[in-house]
């Protein structure tokens, strides 16, 4: 797999119409992947918060 920079470099050397389409698709794919990874990270954070809320005691045990 390559990178967005690599795809944009190829798009810059391609024919104008093809280059514009390739650059647009590369940017769109990057943003789509970023949204998916941020959503997954948010779900992990929510799950960890719920686990901590349910598993940890509400207050310290008195001695």
PDB file of N, CA and C in Angstrom:
ATOM      1  N   UNK A   1       0.841  -1.173   0.000  1.00  0.00           N
ATOM      2  CA  UNK A   1       0.000   0.000   0.000  1.00  0.00           C
ATOM      3  C   UNK A   1       0.883   1.231   0.000  1.00  0.00           C
ATOM      4  N   UNK A   2       0.408   2.260  -0.633  1.00  0.00           N
ATOM      5  CA  UNK A   2       1.153   3.498  -0.731  1.00  0.00           C
ATOM      6  C   UNK A   2       0.651   4.522   0.265  1.00  0.00           C
ATOM      7  N   UNK A   3       0.829   5.767  -0.123  1.00  0.00           N
ATOM      8  CA  UNK A   3       0.407   6.856   0.744  1.00  0.00           C
ATOM      9  C   UNK A   3      -0.348   7.889  -0.082  1.00  0.00           C
ATOM     10  N   UNK A   4      -0.976   8.826   0.606  1.00  0.00           N
ATOM     11  CA  UNK A   4      -1.671   9.895  -0.088  1.00  0.00           C
ATOM     12  C   UNK A   4      -0.662  10.735  -0.864  1.00  0.00           C
ATOM     13  N   UNK A   5       0.479  10.974  -0.259  1.00  0.00           N
ATOM     14  CA  UNK A   5       1.519  11.747  -0.945  1.00  0.00           C
ATOM     15  C   UNK A   5       1.973  11.073  -2.229  1.00  0.00           C
ATOM     16  N   UNK A   6       2.113   9.747  -2.185  1.00  0.00           N
ATOM     17  CA  UNK A   6       2.498   9.015  -3.385  1.00  0.00           C
ATOM     18  C   UNK A   6       1.440   9.114  -4.463  1.00  0.00           C
ATOM     19  N   UNK A   7       0.191   8.977  -4.069  1.00  0.00           N
ATOM     20  CA  UNK A   7      -0.904   9.082  -5.042  1.00  0.00           C
ATOM     21  C   UNK A   7      -0.988  10.482  -5.627  1.00  0.00           C
ATOM     22  N   UNK A   8      -0.765  11.497  -4.802  1.00  0.00           N
ATOM     23  CA  UNK A   8      -0.801  12.867  -5.312  1.00  0.00           C
ATOM     24  C   UNK A   8       0.388  13.141  -6.233  1.00  0.00           C
ATOM     25  N   UNK A   9       1.526  12.518  -5.946  1.00  0.00           N
ATOM     26  CA  UNK A   9       2.682  12.650  -6.831  1.00  0.00           C
ATOM     27  C   UNK A   9       2.416  12.024  -8.188  1.00  0.00           C
ATOM     28  N   UNK A  10       1.817  10.864  -8.208  1.00  0.00           N
ATOM     29  CA  UNK A  10       1.456  10.214  -9.476  1.00  0.00           C
ATOM     30  C   UNK A  10       0.410  11.049 -10.198  1.00  0.00           C
ATOM     31  N   UNK A  11      -0.552  11.590  -9.470  1.00  0.00           N
ATOM     32  CA  UNK A  11      -1.601  12.406 -10.080  1.00  0.00           C
ATOM     33  C   UNK A  11      -1.023  13.659 -10.725  1.00  0.00           C
ATOM     34  N   UNK A  12       0.020  14.198 -10.111  1.00  0.00           N
ATOM     35  CA  UNK A  12       0.642  15.402 -10.672  1.00  0.00           C
ATOM     36  C   UNK A  12       1.335  15.103 -12.001  1.00  0.00           C
ATOM     37  N   UNK A  13       1.815  13.868 -12.177  1.00  0.00           N
ATOM     38  CA  UNK A  13       2.502  13.505 -13.417  1.00  0.00           C
ATOM     39  C   UNK A  13       1.564  12.927 -14.466  1.00  0.00           C
ATOM     40  N   UNK A  14       0.330  12.613 -14.091  1.00  0.00           N
ATOM     41  CA  UNK A  14      -0.629  12.009 -15.020  1.00  0.00           C
ATOM     42  C   UNK A  14      -1.263  13.093 -15.890  1.00  0.00           C
ATOM     43  N   UNK A  15      -2.020  12.623 -16.860  1.00  0.00           N
ATOM     44  CA  UNK A  15      -2.767  13.563 -17.707  1.00  0.00           C
ATOM     45  C   UNK A  15      -3.709  14.382 -16.824  1.00  0.00           C
ATOM     46  N   UNK A  16      -3.985  15.627 -17.200  1.00  0.00           N
ATOM     47  CA  UNK A  16      -4.755  16.523 -16.312  1.00  0.00           C
ATOM     48  C   UNK A  16      -6.087  15.948 -15.820  1.00  0.00           C
ATOM     49  N   UNK A  17      -6.878  15.392 -16.699  1.00  0.00           N
ATOM     50  CA  UNK A  17      -8.183  14.878 -16.271  1.00  0.00           C
ATOM     51  C   UNK A  17      -8.021  13.677 -15.355  1.00  0.00           C
ATOM     52  N   UNK A  18      -7.170  12.759 -15.733  1.00  0.00           N
ATOM     53  CA  UNK A  18      -6.939  11.562 -14.916  1.00  0.00           C
ATOM     54  C   UNK A  18      -6.292  11.957 -13.591  1.00  0.00           C
ATOM     55  N   UNK A  19      -5.366  12.900 -13.633  1.00  0.00           N
ATOM     56  CA  UNK A  19      -4.701  13.348 -12.412  1.00  0.00           C
ATOM     57  C   UNK A  19      -5.657  13.963 -11.417  1.00  0.00           C
ATOM     58  N   UNK A  20      -6.596  14.761 -11.911  1.00  0.00           N
ATOM     59  CA  UNK A  20      -7.571  15.382 -11.015  1.00  0.00           C
ATOM     60  C   UNK A  20      -8.467  14.336 -10.362  1.00  0.00           C
ATOM     61  N   UNK A  21      -8.897  13.350 -11.151  1.00  0.00           N
ATOM     62  CA  UNK A  21      -9.746  12.287 -10.606  1.00  0.00           C
ATOM     63  C   UNK A  21      -8.966  11.469  -9.583  1.00  0.00           C
ATOM     64  N   UNK A  22      -7.723  11.115  -9.910  1.00  0.00           N
ATOM     65  CA  UNK A  22      -6.901  10.322  -8.993  1.00  0.00           C
ATOM     66  C   UNK A  22      -6.650  11.081  -7.692  1.00  0.00           C
ATOM     67  N   UNK A  23      -6.332  12.369  -7.784  1.00  0.00           N
ATOM     68  CA  UNK A  23      -6.087  13.167  -6.581  1.00  0.00           C
ATOM     69  C   UNK A  23      -7.344  13.260  -5.723  1.00  0.00           C
ATOM     70  N   UNK A  24      -8.475  13.451  -6.361  1.00  0.00           N
ATOM     71  CA  UNK A  24      -9.736  13.536  -5.621  1.00  0.00           C
ATOM     72  C   UNK A  24     -10.047  12.218  -4.919  1.00  0.00           C
ATOM     73  N   UNK A  25      -9.844  11.104  -5.624  1.00  0.00           N
ATOM     74  CA  UNK A  25     -10.116   9.799  -5.025  1.00  0.00           C
ATOM     75  C   UNK A  25      -9.147   9.501  -3.882  1.00  0.00           C
ATOM     76  N   UNK A  26      -7.881   9.891  -4.024  1.00  0.00           N
ATOM     77  CA  UNK A  26      -6.900   9.649  -2.966  1.00  0.00           C
ATOM     78  C   UNK A  26      -7.256  10.438  -1.708  1.00  0.00           C
ATOM     79  N   UNK A  27      -7.633  11.689  -1.891  1.00  0.00           N
ATOM     80  CA  UNK A  27      -8.018  12.507  -0.726  1.00  0.00           C
ATOM     81  C   UNK A  27      -9.273  11.945  -0.051  1.00  0.00           C
ATOM     82  N   UNK A  28     -10.243  11.538  -0.860  1.00  0.00           N
ATOM     83  CA  UNK A  28     -11.475  10.980  -0.326  1.00  0.00           C
ATOM     84  C   UNK A  28     -11.209   9.693   0.447  1.00  0.00           C
ATOM     85  N   UNK A  29     -10.359   8.832  -0.088  1.00  0.00           N
ATOM     86  CA  UNK A  29     -10.026   7.572   0.595  1.00  0.00           C
ATOM     87  C   UNK A  29      -9.307   7.845   1.912  1.00  0.00           C
ATOM     88  N   UNK A  30      -8.417   8.850   1.925  1.00  0.00           N
ATOM     89  CA  UNK A  30      -7.702   9.187   3.148  1.00  0.00           C
ATOM     90  C   UNK A  30      -8.673   9.652   4.235  1.00  0.00           C
ATOM     91  N   UNK A  31      -9.573  10.550   3.880  1.00  0.00           N
ATOM     92  CA  UNK A  31     -10.527  11.076   4.853  1.00  0.00           C
ATOM     93  C   UNK A  31     -11.462   9.964   5.326  1.00  0.00           C
ATOM     94  N   UNK A  32     -11.881   9.102   4.423  1.00  0.00           N
ATOM     95  CA  UNK A  32     -12.755   7.990   4.796  1.00  0.00           C
ATOM     96  C   UNK A  32     -12.059   7.064   5.794  1.00  0.00           C
ATOM     97  N   UNK A  33     -10.803   6.748   5.549  1.00  0.00           N
ATOM     98  CA  UNK A  33     -10.047   5.912   6.480  1.00  0.00           C
ATOM     99  C   UNK A  33      -9.842   6.586   7.818  1.00  0.00           C
ATOM    100  N   UNK A  34      -9.618   7.898   7.790  1.00  0.00           N
ATOM    101  CA  UNK A  34      -9.419   8.635   9.028  1.00  0.00           C
ATOM    102  C   UNK A  34     -10.703   8.639   9.860  1.00  0.00           C
ATOM    103  N   UNK A  35     -11.837   8.838   9.213  1.00  0.00           N
ATOM    104  CA  UNK A  35     -13.117   8.833   9.924  1.00  0.00           C
ATOM    105  C   UNK A  35     -13.356   7.468  10.560  1.00  0.00           C
ATOM    106  N   UNK A  36     -13.089   6.408   9.817  1.00  0.00           N
ATOM    107  CA  UNK A  36     -13.292   5.062  10.342  1.00  0.00           C
ATOM    108  C   UNK A  36     -12.388   4.793  11.549  1.00  0.00           C
ATOM    109  N   UNK A  37     -11.133   5.192  11.464  1.00  0.00           N
ATOM    110  CA  UNK A  37     -10.219   4.941  12.581  1.00  0.00           C
ATOM    111  C   UNK A  37     -10.571   5.796  13.800  1.00  0.00           C
ATOM    112  N   UNK A  38     -11.006   7.023  13.593  1.00  0.00           N
ATOM    113  CA  UNK A  38     -11.419   7.852  14.729  1.00  0.00           C
ATOM    114  C   UNK A  38     -12.677   7.298  15.389  1.00  0.00           C
ATOM    115  N   UNK A  39     -13.597   6.779  14.594  1.00  0.00           N
ATOM    116  CA  UNK A  39     -14.801   6.166  15.149  1.00  0.00           C
ATOM    117  C   UNK A  39     -14.442   4.926  15.964  1.00  0.00           C
ATOM    118  N   UNK A  40     -13.553   4.113  15.440  1.00  0.00           N
ATOM    119  CA  UNK A  40     -13.129   2.911  16.171  1.00  0.00           C
ATOM    120  C   UNK A  40     -12.439   3.291  17.475  1.00  0.00           C
ATOM    121  N   UNK A  41     -11.588   4.305  17.448  1.00  0.00           N
ATOM    122  CA  UNK A  41     -10.926   4.764  18.672  1.00  0.00           C
ATOM    123  C   UNK A  41     -11.920   5.301  19.688  1.00  0.00           C
ATOM    124  N   UNK A  42     -12.930   6.013  19.214  1.00  0.00           N
ATOM    125  CA  UNK A  42     -13.955   6.531  20.128  1.00  0.00           C
ATOM    126  C   UNK A  42     -14.734   5.393  20.764  1.00  0.00           C
ATOM    127  N   UNK A  43     -15.026   4.359  19.991  1.00  0.00           N
ATOM    128  CA  UNK A  43     -15.754   3.211  20.544  1.00  0.00           C
ATOM    129  C   UNK A  43     -14.920   2.478  21.592  1.00  0.00           C
ATOM    130  N   UNK A  44     -13.627   2.367  21.374  1.00  0.00           N
ATOM    131  CA  UNK A  44     -12.740   1.744  22.366  1.00  0.00           C
ATOM    132  C   UNK A  44     -12.721   2.586  23.643  1.00  0.00           C
ATOM    133  N   UNK A  45     -12.666   3.899  23.501  1.00  0.00           N
ATOM    134  CA  UNK A  45     -12.657   4.775  24.674  1.00  0.00           C
ATOM    135  C   UNK A  45     -13.969   4.674  25.453  1.00  0.00           C
ATOM    136  N   UNK A  46     -15.081   4.626  24.757  1.00  0.00           N
ATOM    137  CA  UNK A  46     -16.381   4.489  25.423  1.00  0.00           C
ATOM    138  C   UNK A  46     -16.465   3.140  26.138  1.00  0.00           C
ATOM    139  N   UNK A  47     -16.027   2.083  25.474  1.00  0.00           N
ATOM    140  CA  UNK A  47     -16.051   0.754  26.095  1.00  0.00           C
ATOM    141  C   UNK A  47     -15.165   0.715  27.333  1.00  0.00           C
ATOM    142  N   UNK A  48     -13.994   1.329  27.269  1.00  0.00           N
ATOM    143  CA  UNK A  48     -13.099   1.363  28.424  1.00  0.00           C
ATOM    144  C   UNK A  48     -13.717   2.163  29.570  1.00  0.00           C
ATOM    145  N   UNK A  49     -14.380   3.256  29.257  1.00  0.00           N
ATOM    146  CA  UNK A  49     -15.048   4.047  30.285  1.00  0.00           C
ATOM    147  C   UNK A  49     -16.173   3.279  30.959  1.00  0.00           C
ATOM    148  N   UNK A  50     -16.965   2.576  30.145  1.00  0.00           N
ATOM    149  CA  UNK A  50     -18.040   1.775  30.726  1.00  0.00           C
ATOM    150  C   UNK A  50     -17.500   0.638  31.575  1.00  0.00           C
ATOM    151  N   UNK A  51     -16.440  -0.001  31.121  1.00  0.00           N
ATOM    152  CA  UNK A  51     -15.823  -1.070  31.897  1.00  0.00           C
ATOM    153  C   UNK A  51     -15.304  -0.545  33.236  1.00  0.00           C
ATOM    154  N   UNK A  52     -14.653   0.622  33.207  1.00  0.00           N
ATOM    155  CA  UNK A  52     -14.157   1.215  34.448  1.00  0.00           C
ATOM    156  C   UNK A  52     -15.313   1.592  35.370  1.00  0.00           C
ATOM    157  N   UNK A  53     -16.389   2.105  34.803  1.00  0.00           N
ATOM    158  CA  UNK A  53     -17.552   2.492  35.605  1.00  0.00           C
ATOM    159  C   UNK A  53     -18.179   1.274  36.285  1.00  0.00           C
ATOM    160  N   UNK A  54     -18.234   0.168  35.573  1.00  0.00           N
ATOM    161  CA  UNK A  54     -18.870  -1.025  36.123  1.00  0.00           C
ATOM    162  C   UNK A  54     -17.936  -1.846  37.014  1.00  0.00           C
ATOM    163  N   UNK A  55     -16.652  -1.864  36.714  1.00  0.00           N
ATOM    164  CA  UNK A  55     -15.737  -2.779  37.415  1.00  0.00           C
ATOM    165  C   UNK A  55     -15.077  -2.149  38.633  1.00  0.00           C
ATOM    166  N   UNK A  56     -14.868  -0.863  38.637  1.00  0.00           N
ATOM    167  CA  UNK A  56     -14.161  -0.230  39.751  1.00  0.00           C
ATOM    168  C   UNK A  56     -15.146   0.105  40.871  1.00  0.00           C
ATOM    169  N   UNK A  57     -14.679   0.034  42.105  1.00  0.00           N
ATOM    170  CA  UNK A  57     -15.575   0.376  43.222  1.00  0.00           C
ATOM    171  C   UNK A  57     -15.883   1.869  43.225  1.00  0.00           C
ATOM    172  N   UNK A  58     -17.042   2.201  43.768  1.00  0.00           N
ATOM    173  CA  UNK A  58     -17.467   3.593  43.807  1.00  0.00           C
ATOM    174  C   UNK A  58     -16.626   4.432  44.758  1.00  0.00           C
ATOM    175  N   UNK A  59     -16.197   3.826  45.882  1.00  0.00           N
ATOM    176  CA  UNK A  59     -15.346   4.543  46.833  1.00  0.00           C
ATOM    177  C   UNK A  59     -14.389   3.565  47.469  1.00  0.00           C
ATOM    178  N   UNK A  60     -13.374   4.120  48.044  1.00  0.00           N
ATOM    179  CA  UNK A  60     -12.352   3.298  48.686  1.00  0.00           C
ATOM    180  C   UNK A  60     -12.944   2.573  49.909  1.00  0.00           C
ATOM    181  N   UNK A  61     -12.476   1.381  50.131  1.00  0.00           N
ATOM    182  CA  UNK A  61     -12.945   0.600  51.281  1.00  0.00           C
ATOM    183  C   UNK A  61     -12.449   1.267  52.570  1.00  0.00           C
ATOM    184  N   UNK A  62     -13.349   1.395  53.573  1.00  0.00           N
ATOM    185  CA  UNK A  62     -12.927   1.972  54.839  1.00  0.00           C
ATOM    186  C   UNK A  62     -12.248   0.909  55.701  1.00  0.00           C
ATOM    187  N   UNK A  63     -11.246   1.369  56.415  1.00  0.00           N
ATOM    188  CA  UNK A  63     -10.534   0.404  57.258  1.00  0.00           C
ATOM    189  C   UNK A  63     -10.672   0.699  58.722  1.00  0.00           C
TER     190      UNK A  63
END
